[in-house]
């Protein structure tokens, strides 16, 4: 499913983020930047040890922020490690918005044209998928309305259920586009 926003493409796909052929993929990271389970584990496994080595040199990243490393053996040249909130820690919505915006800004600062996001914090961090979709999509739609080098933002969602939640939310947030340019 694709939408055009200010001449840029926002795309929803169901699949494995480590297979995305974008300039960067986003890792749903923890603040210590240890590539453990979930998305991070898949990135570690397919990307190789150089990504963790770069994370170790960086050390840590605050919740709501992001850092960038090389992509190792991945198709993507870079990995942006966005630290989303754990449910119950407080101010979760603002922290997820910050992690999303920080990732988009890092992509711009590094001259990237495409980026792929997972549904940050919805795994072991327990963030509700519906709230995640609302925050990440609205932040991205807002960002794409401004000046950006990004040409394409992909939300690569694991499983049909997550894809359907994001699809429904995109149709709600971007109704003018849904009738004319949203396509499967």
N, C-alpha and C. Protein backbone atom coordinates (compact mmCIF):
# COMPACT_ATOMS: atom_id res chain seq x y z
N UNK A 1 0.85 -1.18 0.00
CA UNK A 1 0.00 0.00 0.00
C UNK A 1 0.89 1.23 0.00
N UNK A 2 0.60 2.18 -0.89
CA UNK A 2 1.41 3.38 -1.03
C UNK A 2 0.54 4.63 -0.96
N UNK A 3 1.13 5.69 -0.43
CA UNK A 3 0.50 7.00 -0.44
C UNK A 3 1.54 8.03 -0.87
N UNK A 4 1.10 9.06 -1.56
CA UNK A 4 1.99 10.16 -1.94
C UNK A 4 1.74 11.33 -1.00
N UNK A 5 2.81 11.82 -0.40
CA UNK A 5 2.74 12.96 0.51
C UNK A 5 3.78 13.97 0.06
N UNK A 6 3.33 15.12 -0.41
CA UNK A 6 4.24 16.19 -0.80
C UNK A 6 5.28 15.69 -1.81
N UNK A 7 4.87 14.82 -2.73
CA UNK A 7 5.78 14.28 -3.73
C UNK A 7 6.65 13.14 -3.25
N UNK A 8 6.47 12.73 -2.00
CA UNK A 8 7.24 11.63 -1.41
C UNK A 8 6.33 10.41 -1.27
N UNK A 9 6.94 9.23 -1.20
CA UNK A 9 6.18 8.00 -1.08
C UNK A 9 6.23 7.47 0.35
N UNK A 10 5.08 7.16 0.89
CA UNK A 10 4.97 6.44 2.16
C UNK A 10 4.36 5.09 1.81
N UNK A 11 5.06 4.02 2.16
CA UNK A 11 4.62 2.68 1.77
C UNK A 11 4.50 1.78 2.98
N UNK A 12 3.45 0.96 3.00
CA UNK A 12 3.27 -0.07 4.02
C UNK A 12 3.48 -1.42 3.36
N UNK A 13 4.33 -2.25 3.97
CA UNK A 13 4.55 -3.61 3.48
C UNK A 13 4.55 -4.56 4.67
N UNK A 14 4.19 -5.80 4.40
CA UNK A 14 4.28 -6.85 5.41
C UNK A 14 5.51 -7.67 5.07
N UNK A 15 6.38 -7.89 6.07
CA UNK A 15 7.57 -8.69 5.77
C UNK A 15 8.67 -8.56 6.79
N UNK A 16 9.86 -8.91 6.36
CA UNK A 16 11.07 -8.95 7.16
C UNK A 16 11.87 -7.68 6.88
N UNK A 17 12.03 -6.83 7.87
CA UNK A 17 12.72 -5.56 7.67
C UNK A 17 14.17 -5.75 7.24
N UNK A 18 14.79 -6.85 7.62
CA UNK A 18 16.19 -7.08 7.24
C UNK A 18 16.34 -7.33 5.75
N UNK A 19 15.24 -7.56 5.05
CA UNK A 19 15.27 -7.78 3.60
C UNK A 19 14.96 -6.50 2.81
N UNK A 20 14.69 -5.41 3.50
CA UNK A 20 14.34 -4.16 2.81
C UNK A 20 15.57 -3.57 2.12
N UNK A 21 15.37 -3.16 0.88
CA UNK A 21 16.45 -2.58 0.08
C UNK A 21 16.30 -1.06 0.09
N UNK A 22 16.40 -0.49 1.28
CA UNK A 22 16.33 0.96 1.47
C UNK A 22 17.72 1.43 1.93
N UNK A 23 17.95 2.74 1.90
CA UNK A 23 19.25 3.26 2.34
C UNK A 23 19.51 2.91 3.80
N UNK A 24 18.44 2.91 4.61
CA UNK A 24 18.56 2.56 6.03
C UNK A 24 17.34 1.77 6.46
N UNK A 25 17.55 0.90 7.43
CA UNK A 25 16.44 0.29 8.15
C UNK A 25 16.55 0.74 9.60
N UNK A 26 15.42 0.78 10.27
CA UNK A 26 15.40 1.22 11.67
C UNK A 26 15.32 -0.01 12.57
N UNK A 27 16.20 -0.03 13.55
CA UNK A 27 16.20 -1.05 14.58
C UNK A 27 15.41 -0.53 15.77
N UNK A 28 14.49 -1.33 16.27
CA UNK A 28 13.78 -1.00 17.51
C UNK A 28 14.75 -1.33 18.64
N UNK A 29 15.55 -0.35 19.04
CA UNK A 29 16.69 -0.56 19.93
C UNK A 29 16.34 -0.37 21.40
N UNK A 30 17.25 -0.85 22.24
CA UNK A 30 17.21 -0.52 23.67
C UNK A 30 18.29 0.53 23.93
N UNK A 31 18.22 1.21 25.06
CA UNK A 31 19.12 2.34 25.30
C UNK A 31 20.59 1.93 25.43
N UNK A 32 20.86 0.67 25.73
CA UNK A 32 22.25 0.22 25.80
C UNK A 32 22.77 -0.25 24.44
N UNK A 33 21.93 -0.21 23.43
CA UNK A 33 22.28 -0.57 22.05
C UNK A 33 22.81 -2.00 21.92
N UNK A 34 22.29 -2.88 22.73
CA UNK A 34 22.61 -4.30 22.64
C UNK A 34 21.60 -4.95 21.70
N UNK A 35 22.10 -5.57 20.64
CA UNK A 35 21.22 -6.22 19.66
C UNK A 35 20.81 -7.58 20.20
N UNK A 36 19.67 -7.62 20.88
CA UNK A 36 19.23 -8.84 21.54
C UNK A 36 18.22 -9.63 20.73
N UNK A 37 16.95 -9.48 21.06
CA UNK A 37 15.87 -10.28 20.45
C UNK A 37 15.07 -9.43 19.46
N UNK A 38 14.04 -10.02 18.90
CA UNK A 38 13.11 -9.31 18.02
C UNK A 38 13.80 -8.75 16.79
N UNK A 39 13.44 -7.52 16.41
CA UNK A 39 14.02 -6.86 15.24
C UNK A 39 15.53 -6.76 15.39
N UNK A 40 15.99 -6.37 16.58
CA UNK A 40 17.44 -6.22 16.81
C UNK A 40 18.18 -7.54 16.62
N UNK A 41 17.59 -8.63 17.09
CA UNK A 41 18.22 -9.93 16.92
C UNK A 41 18.32 -10.34 15.46
N UNK A 42 17.27 -10.05 14.70
CA UNK A 42 17.28 -10.37 13.27
C UNK A 42 18.34 -9.53 12.55
N UNK A 43 18.48 -8.27 12.93
CA UNK A 43 19.50 -7.40 12.34
C UNK A 43 20.89 -7.92 12.68
N UNK A 44 21.11 -8.31 13.93
CA UNK A 44 22.41 -8.85 14.35
C UNK A 44 22.75 -10.10 13.56
N UNK A 45 21.78 -10.98 13.42
CA UNK A 45 22.01 -12.26 12.74
C UNK A 45 22.34 -12.06 11.26
N UNK A 46 21.55 -11.25 10.56
CA UNK A 46 21.76 -11.06 9.12
C UNK A 46 22.82 -10.02 8.80
N UNK A 47 22.98 -9.04 9.68
CA UNK A 47 23.92 -7.95 9.40
C UNK A 47 25.35 -8.24 9.79
N UNK A 48 25.54 -9.20 10.69
CA UNK A 48 26.89 -9.55 11.11
C UNK A 48 27.38 -8.73 12.29
N UNK A 49 28.57 -9.06 12.79
CA UNK A 49 29.08 -8.47 14.03
C UNK A 49 29.49 -7.00 13.95
N UNK A 50 29.69 -6.46 12.75
CA UNK A 50 30.15 -5.08 12.66
C UNK A 50 29.12 -4.09 13.20
N UNK A 51 27.84 -4.41 13.09
CA UNK A 51 26.80 -3.50 13.58
C UNK A 51 26.87 -3.40 15.10
N UNK A 52 26.96 -4.54 15.80
CA UNK A 52 27.08 -4.51 17.26
C UNK A 52 28.38 -3.83 17.68
N UNK A 53 29.46 -4.05 16.93
CA UNK A 53 30.74 -3.41 17.25
C UNK A 53 30.61 -1.88 17.20
N UNK A 54 29.91 -1.37 16.18
CA UNK A 54 29.68 0.08 16.10
C UNK A 54 28.80 0.57 17.25
N UNK A 55 27.77 -0.21 17.57
CA UNK A 55 26.90 0.15 18.70
C UNK A 55 27.71 0.20 19.99
N UNK A 56 28.62 -0.74 20.17
CA UNK A 56 29.46 -0.77 21.37
C UNK A 56 30.31 0.49 21.46
N UNK A 57 30.84 0.96 20.33
CA UNK A 57 31.65 2.19 20.32
C UNK A 57 30.80 3.41 20.68
N UNK A 58 29.56 3.43 20.21
CA UNK A 58 28.65 4.55 20.53
C UNK A 58 28.28 4.50 22.01
N UNK A 59 28.01 3.30 22.53
CA UNK A 59 27.76 3.10 23.95
C UNK A 59 26.31 3.06 24.35
N UNK A 60 25.61 4.16 24.20
CA UNK A 60 24.20 4.18 24.59
C UNK A 60 23.47 5.29 23.85
N UNK A 61 22.14 5.25 23.96
CA UNK A 61 21.29 6.25 23.34
C UNK A 61 20.08 6.45 24.23
N UNK A 62 19.72 7.68 24.54
CA UNK A 62 18.55 7.92 25.39
C UNK A 62 17.24 7.48 24.73
N UNK A 63 16.27 7.12 25.54
CA UNK A 63 14.94 6.78 25.05
C UNK A 63 14.38 8.00 24.32
N UNK A 64 13.79 7.75 23.16
CA UNK A 64 13.22 8.84 22.36
C UNK A 64 14.20 9.43 21.36
N UNK A 65 15.40 8.88 21.29
CA UNK A 65 16.42 9.37 20.35
C UNK A 65 16.87 8.23 19.46
N UNK A 66 17.80 8.51 18.55
CA UNK A 66 18.31 7.49 17.63
C UNK A 66 19.76 7.78 17.28
N UNK A 67 20.48 6.72 16.90
CA UNK A 67 21.86 6.82 16.42
C UNK A 67 21.96 5.98 15.14
N UNK A 68 23.03 6.20 14.37
CA UNK A 68 23.18 5.50 13.09
C UNK A 68 24.49 4.73 13.05
N UNK A 69 24.45 3.56 12.43
CA UNK A 69 25.64 2.75 12.18
C UNK A 69 25.60 2.29 10.74
N UNK A 70 26.66 1.61 10.34
CA UNK A 70 26.67 0.97 9.03
C UNK A 70 25.70 -0.20 9.03
N UNK A 71 25.44 -0.74 7.85
CA UNK A 71 24.49 -1.83 7.70
C UNK A 71 25.10 -3.22 7.65
N UNK A 72 26.43 -3.32 7.81
CA UNK A 72 27.05 -4.63 7.79
C UNK A 72 26.71 -5.38 6.51
N UNK A 73 26.24 -6.61 6.64
CA UNK A 73 25.90 -7.47 5.50
C UNK A 73 24.46 -7.31 5.02
N UNK A 74 23.72 -6.35 5.55
CA UNK A 74 22.34 -6.13 5.14
C UNK A 74 22.28 -5.48 3.76
N UNK A 75 21.12 -5.55 3.11
CA UNK A 75 20.91 -4.82 1.86
C UNK A 75 20.99 -3.32 2.11
N UNK A 76 20.45 -2.87 3.25
CA UNK A 76 20.51 -1.46 3.63
C UNK A 76 21.94 -1.08 3.99
N UNK A 77 22.35 0.11 3.58
CA UNK A 77 23.72 0.58 3.88
C UNK A 77 23.87 1.02 5.33
N UNK A 78 22.76 1.37 5.98
CA UNK A 78 22.80 1.89 7.34
C UNK A 78 21.71 1.27 8.20
N UNK A 79 21.96 1.27 9.50
CA UNK A 79 20.94 0.93 10.48
C UNK A 79 20.80 2.13 11.40
N UNK A 80 19.57 2.60 11.54
CA UNK A 80 19.27 3.67 12.50
C UNK A 80 18.65 2.98 13.71
N UNK A 81 19.29 3.15 14.85
CA UNK A 81 18.86 2.50 16.08
C UNK A 81 18.01 3.49 16.87
N UNK A 82 16.70 3.29 16.84
CA UNK A 82 15.75 4.19 17.51
C UNK A 82 15.31 3.54 18.82
N UNK A 83 15.49 4.28 19.90
CA UNK A 83 15.14 3.74 21.22
C UNK A 83 13.74 4.19 21.58
N UNK A 84 12.82 3.25 21.49
CA UNK A 84 11.44 3.52 21.85
C UNK A 84 11.20 3.26 23.33
N UNK A 85 10.03 3.67 23.82
CA UNK A 85 9.70 3.52 25.24
C UNK A 85 9.20 2.14 25.61
N UNK A 86 9.40 1.80 26.85
CA UNK A 86 8.77 0.62 27.45
C UNK A 86 7.45 1.09 28.06
N UNK A 87 6.38 0.32 27.87
CA UNK A 87 5.10 0.69 28.47
C UNK A 87 5.26 0.75 29.98
N UNK A 88 4.70 1.81 30.55
CA UNK A 88 4.74 1.98 31.99
C UNK A 88 5.86 2.87 32.49
N UNK A 89 6.78 3.28 31.62
CA UNK A 89 7.89 4.12 32.09
C UNK A 89 7.53 5.59 32.16
N UNK A 90 6.38 5.97 31.55
CA UNK A 90 5.94 7.36 31.58
C UNK A 90 6.30 8.11 30.31
N UNK A 91 5.41 9.00 29.89
CA UNK A 91 5.60 9.86 28.73
C UNK A 91 5.91 9.05 27.46
N UNK A 92 5.30 7.86 27.36
CA UNK A 92 5.61 6.94 26.26
C UNK A 92 5.29 7.53 24.88
N UNK A 93 4.16 8.22 24.73
CA UNK A 93 3.77 8.74 23.42
C UNK A 93 4.81 9.74 22.91
N UNK A 94 5.23 10.66 23.75
CA UNK A 94 6.22 11.66 23.34
C UNK A 94 7.57 11.00 23.03
N UNK A 95 7.91 9.96 23.77
CA UNK A 95 9.18 9.27 23.51
C UNK A 95 9.14 8.52 22.18
N UNK A 96 8.01 7.90 21.84
CA UNK A 96 7.91 7.21 20.55
C UNK A 96 7.93 8.23 19.41
N UNK A 97 7.23 9.33 19.59
CA UNK A 97 7.28 10.39 18.58
C UNK A 97 8.72 10.87 18.39
N UNK A 98 9.44 11.06 19.49
CA UNK A 98 10.83 11.51 19.42
C UNK A 98 11.73 10.52 18.71
N UNK A 99 11.55 9.23 18.99
CA UNK A 99 12.37 8.20 18.34
C UNK A 99 12.11 8.18 16.83
N UNK A 100 10.85 8.37 16.45
CA UNK A 100 10.49 8.38 15.04
C UNK A 100 11.08 9.60 14.35
N UNK A 101 10.87 10.77 14.94
CA UNK A 101 11.38 12.02 14.35
C UNK A 101 12.91 12.01 14.29
N UNK A 102 13.54 11.55 15.34
CA UNK A 102 15.01 11.49 15.39
C UNK A 102 15.55 10.60 14.27
N UNK A 103 14.86 9.49 14.00
CA UNK A 103 15.27 8.58 12.91
C UNK A 103 15.17 9.28 11.56
N UNK A 104 14.08 9.98 11.33
CA UNK A 104 13.89 10.70 10.06
C UNK A 104 14.95 11.80 9.91
N UNK A 105 15.22 12.51 10.98
CA UNK A 105 16.23 13.58 10.95
C UNK A 105 17.62 13.01 10.68
N UNK A 106 17.96 11.88 11.30
CA UNK A 106 19.26 11.24 11.06
C UNK A 106 19.40 10.83 9.60
N UNK A 107 18.32 10.30 9.03
CA UNK A 107 18.34 9.93 7.61
C UNK A 107 18.65 11.17 6.76
N UNK A 108 17.99 12.27 7.04
CA UNK A 108 18.24 13.52 6.31
C UNK A 108 19.67 14.00 6.50
N UNK A 109 20.13 14.02 7.74
CA UNK A 109 21.48 14.50 8.04
C UNK A 109 22.56 13.68 7.33
N UNK A 110 22.24 12.43 7.02
CA UNK A 110 23.21 11.56 6.36
C UNK A 110 22.95 11.42 4.85
N UNK A 111 22.08 12.27 4.32
CA UNK A 111 21.83 12.32 2.89
C UNK A 111 21.11 11.10 2.32
N UNK A 112 20.35 10.41 3.16
CA UNK A 112 19.66 9.20 2.72
C UNK A 112 18.34 9.57 2.04
N UNK A 113 17.92 8.73 1.10
CA UNK A 113 16.68 8.98 0.37
C UNK A 113 15.56 8.02 0.74
N UNK A 114 15.91 6.90 1.42
CA UNK A 114 14.87 5.93 1.78
C UNK A 114 15.18 5.30 3.14
N UNK A 115 14.11 4.99 3.87
CA UNK A 115 14.23 4.44 5.21
C UNK A 115 13.05 3.49 5.44
N UNK A 116 13.31 2.41 6.19
CA UNK A 116 12.25 1.46 6.54
C UNK A 116 12.17 1.33 8.05
N UNK A 117 10.95 1.48 8.57
CA UNK A 117 10.67 1.39 10.01
C UNK A 117 9.94 0.10 10.34
N UNK A 118 10.21 -0.47 11.52
CA UNK A 118 9.32 -1.48 12.10
C UNK A 118 8.30 -0.76 12.99
N UNK A 119 7.42 -1.48 13.61
CA UNK A 119 6.50 -0.91 14.60
C UNK A 119 7.25 -0.86 15.93
N UNK A 120 7.92 0.26 16.17
CA UNK A 120 8.82 0.42 17.32
C UNK A 120 8.07 0.24 18.64
N UNK A 121 8.69 -0.50 19.55
CA UNK A 121 8.24 -0.71 20.94
C UNK A 121 7.05 -1.64 21.09
N UNK A 122 6.55 -2.23 20.00
CA UNK A 122 5.35 -3.07 20.12
C UNK A 122 5.66 -4.52 20.47
N UNK A 123 6.92 -4.89 20.52
CA UNK A 123 7.30 -6.25 20.90
C UNK A 123 7.41 -6.38 22.40
N UNK A 124 8.60 -6.71 22.87
CA UNK A 124 8.81 -6.93 24.31
C UNK A 124 8.63 -5.67 25.14
N UNK A 125 8.65 -4.48 24.50
CA UNK A 125 8.43 -3.24 25.26
C UNK A 125 6.95 -2.99 25.53
N UNK A 126 6.05 -3.77 24.89
CA UNK A 126 4.64 -3.78 25.25
C UNK A 126 3.79 -2.60 24.81
N UNK A 127 4.26 -1.80 23.86
CA UNK A 127 3.50 -0.64 23.41
C UNK A 127 2.34 -1.11 22.53
N UNK A 128 1.12 -0.60 22.74
CA UNK A 128 -0.03 -1.03 21.93
C UNK A 128 0.14 -0.67 20.46
N UNK A 129 -0.09 -1.62 19.58
CA UNK A 129 0.12 -1.44 18.14
C UNK A 129 -0.72 -0.30 17.57
N UNK A 130 -1.96 -0.11 18.04
CA UNK A 130 -2.81 0.96 17.52
C UNK A 130 -2.22 2.32 17.84
N UNK A 131 -1.75 2.51 19.08
CA UNK A 131 -1.13 3.79 19.46
C UNK A 131 0.17 3.99 18.69
N UNK A 132 0.92 2.92 18.51
CA UNK A 132 2.16 3.01 17.75
C UNK A 132 1.88 3.50 16.34
N UNK A 133 0.91 2.89 15.67
CA UNK A 133 0.56 3.28 14.30
C UNK A 133 0.18 4.75 14.23
N UNK A 134 -0.66 5.18 15.16
CA UNK A 134 -1.10 6.59 15.19
C UNK A 134 0.09 7.53 15.32
N UNK A 135 0.96 7.26 16.27
CA UNK A 135 2.09 8.16 16.56
C UNK A 135 3.11 8.14 15.44
N UNK A 136 3.53 6.94 15.02
CA UNK A 136 4.58 6.85 14.01
C UNK A 136 4.11 7.39 12.66
N UNK A 137 2.89 7.06 12.26
CA UNK A 137 2.39 7.55 10.97
C UNK A 137 2.15 9.06 10.99
N UNK A 138 1.54 9.58 12.06
CA UNK A 138 1.28 11.02 12.09
C UNK A 138 2.59 11.81 12.13
N UNK A 139 3.58 11.32 12.86
CA UNK A 139 4.89 11.98 12.91
C UNK A 139 5.54 11.97 11.53
N UNK A 140 5.46 10.84 10.84
CA UNK A 140 6.06 10.72 9.51
C UNK A 140 5.32 11.58 8.48
N UNK A 141 3.99 11.56 8.51
CA UNK A 141 3.22 12.40 7.59
C UNK A 141 3.57 13.87 7.78
N UNK A 142 3.67 14.30 9.03
CA UNK A 142 4.04 15.68 9.34
C UNK A 142 5.44 15.99 8.81
N UNK A 143 6.37 15.07 9.04
CA UNK A 143 7.75 15.27 8.61
C UNK A 143 7.85 15.40 7.09
N UNK A 144 7.13 14.56 6.38
CA UNK A 144 7.19 14.58 4.92
C UNK A 144 6.57 15.84 4.31
N UNK A 145 5.78 16.57 5.09
CA UNK A 145 5.21 17.84 4.60
C UNK A 145 6.26 18.94 4.57
N UNK A 146 7.35 18.76 5.31
CA UNK A 146 8.41 19.77 5.36
C UNK A 146 9.51 19.50 4.35
N UNK A 147 10.61 20.23 4.50
CA UNK A 147 11.78 20.04 3.64
C UNK A 147 12.51 18.78 4.07
N UNK A 148 12.70 17.86 3.14
CA UNK A 148 13.41 16.62 3.42
C UNK A 148 14.01 16.06 2.13
N UNK A 149 15.13 15.38 2.28
CA UNK A 149 15.74 14.67 1.14
C UNK A 149 15.09 13.31 0.94
N UNK A 150 14.40 12.85 1.97
CA UNK A 150 13.78 11.53 1.87
C UNK A 150 12.78 11.49 0.73
N UNK A 151 12.87 10.45 -0.07
CA UNK A 151 11.94 10.22 -1.17
C UNK A 151 10.95 9.12 -0.83
N UNK A 152 11.35 8.22 0.09
CA UNK A 152 10.51 7.06 0.38
C UNK A 152 10.68 6.65 1.85
N UNK A 153 9.54 6.50 2.52
CA UNK A 153 9.51 5.97 3.89
C UNK A 153 8.63 4.73 3.86
N UNK A 154 9.20 3.61 4.31
CA UNK A 154 8.50 2.33 4.32
C UNK A 154 8.24 1.94 5.77
N UNK A 155 7.05 1.45 6.04
CA UNK A 155 6.77 0.80 7.32
C UNK A 155 6.67 -0.68 7.00
N UNK A 156 7.69 -1.44 7.43
CA UNK A 156 7.75 -2.87 7.17
C UNK A 156 7.23 -3.57 8.42
N UNK A 157 6.06 -4.15 8.29
CA UNK A 157 5.33 -4.67 9.45
C UNK A 157 5.36 -6.18 9.47
N UNK A 158 5.59 -6.71 10.66
CA UNK A 158 5.71 -8.15 10.84
C UNK A 158 4.34 -8.73 11.13
N UNK A 159 3.76 -9.41 10.14
CA UNK A 159 2.46 -10.05 10.33
C UNK A 159 1.32 -9.25 9.75
N UNK A 160 0.31 -9.98 9.31
CA UNK A 160 -0.87 -9.37 8.67
C UNK A 160 -1.62 -8.45 9.63
N UNK A 161 -1.71 -8.84 10.90
CA UNK A 161 -2.44 -8.02 11.88
C UNK A 161 -1.82 -6.63 12.01
N UNK A 162 -0.50 -6.57 12.16
CA UNK A 162 0.18 -5.28 12.27
C UNK A 162 -0.01 -4.46 11.00
N UNK A 163 0.10 -5.12 9.84
CA UNK A 163 -0.10 -4.43 8.57
C UNK A 163 -1.49 -3.82 8.51
N UNK A 164 -2.51 -4.58 8.88
CA UNK A 164 -3.89 -4.10 8.82
C UNK A 164 -4.13 -2.91 9.75
N UNK A 165 -3.52 -2.94 10.93
CA UNK A 165 -3.66 -1.82 11.88
C UNK A 165 -3.05 -0.55 11.26
N UNK A 166 -1.87 -0.67 10.69
CA UNK A 166 -1.21 0.49 10.08
C UNK A 166 -1.99 0.96 8.84
N UNK A 167 -2.51 0.04 8.05
CA UNK A 167 -3.28 0.41 6.86
C UNK A 167 -4.52 1.22 7.25
N UNK A 168 -5.25 0.73 8.23
CA UNK A 168 -6.45 1.43 8.69
C UNK A 168 -6.11 2.82 9.22
N UNK A 169 -5.03 2.91 9.99
CA UNK A 169 -4.64 4.20 10.57
C UNK A 169 -4.18 5.16 9.48
N UNK A 170 -3.46 4.68 8.48
CA UNK A 170 -3.02 5.56 7.39
C UNK A 170 -4.23 6.10 6.63
N UNK A 171 -5.21 5.25 6.40
CA UNK A 171 -6.44 5.71 5.72
C UNK A 171 -7.16 6.77 6.54
N UNK A 172 -7.15 6.65 7.86
CA UNK A 172 -7.79 7.66 8.74
C UNK A 172 -7.00 8.96 8.75
N UNK A 173 -5.68 8.87 8.82
CA UNK A 173 -4.83 10.05 8.95
C UNK A 173 -4.66 10.80 7.63
N UNK A 174 -4.82 10.11 6.53
CA UNK A 174 -4.56 10.69 5.22
C UNK A 174 -5.76 10.46 4.28
N UNK A 175 -6.96 10.91 4.69
CA UNK A 175 -8.18 10.58 3.93
C UNK A 175 -8.21 11.16 2.53
N UNK A 176 -7.62 12.33 2.32
CA UNK A 176 -7.63 12.93 0.98
C UNK A 176 -6.89 12.07 -0.02
N UNK A 177 -5.85 11.40 0.44
CA UNK A 177 -5.05 10.55 -0.43
C UNK A 177 -5.69 9.19 -0.63
N UNK A 178 -6.48 8.74 0.36
CA UNK A 178 -6.96 7.36 0.32
C UNK A 178 -7.86 7.07 -0.87
N UNK A 179 -8.59 8.06 -1.33
CA UNK A 179 -9.50 7.80 -2.45
C UNK A 179 -8.78 7.81 -3.79
N UNK A 180 -7.66 8.55 -3.89
CA UNK A 180 -7.06 8.69 -5.21
C UNK A 180 -5.71 8.00 -5.37
N UNK A 181 -4.84 8.09 -4.39
CA UNK A 181 -3.48 7.59 -4.64
C UNK A 181 -3.05 6.44 -3.74
N UNK A 182 -3.86 6.04 -2.78
CA UNK A 182 -3.49 4.87 -2.01
C UNK A 182 -3.71 3.65 -2.89
N UNK A 183 -2.71 2.82 -2.96
CA UNK A 183 -2.81 1.63 -3.79
C UNK A 183 -2.23 0.45 -3.05
N UNK A 184 -2.78 -0.71 -3.31
CA UNK A 184 -2.25 -1.95 -2.71
C UNK A 184 -1.02 -2.36 -3.48
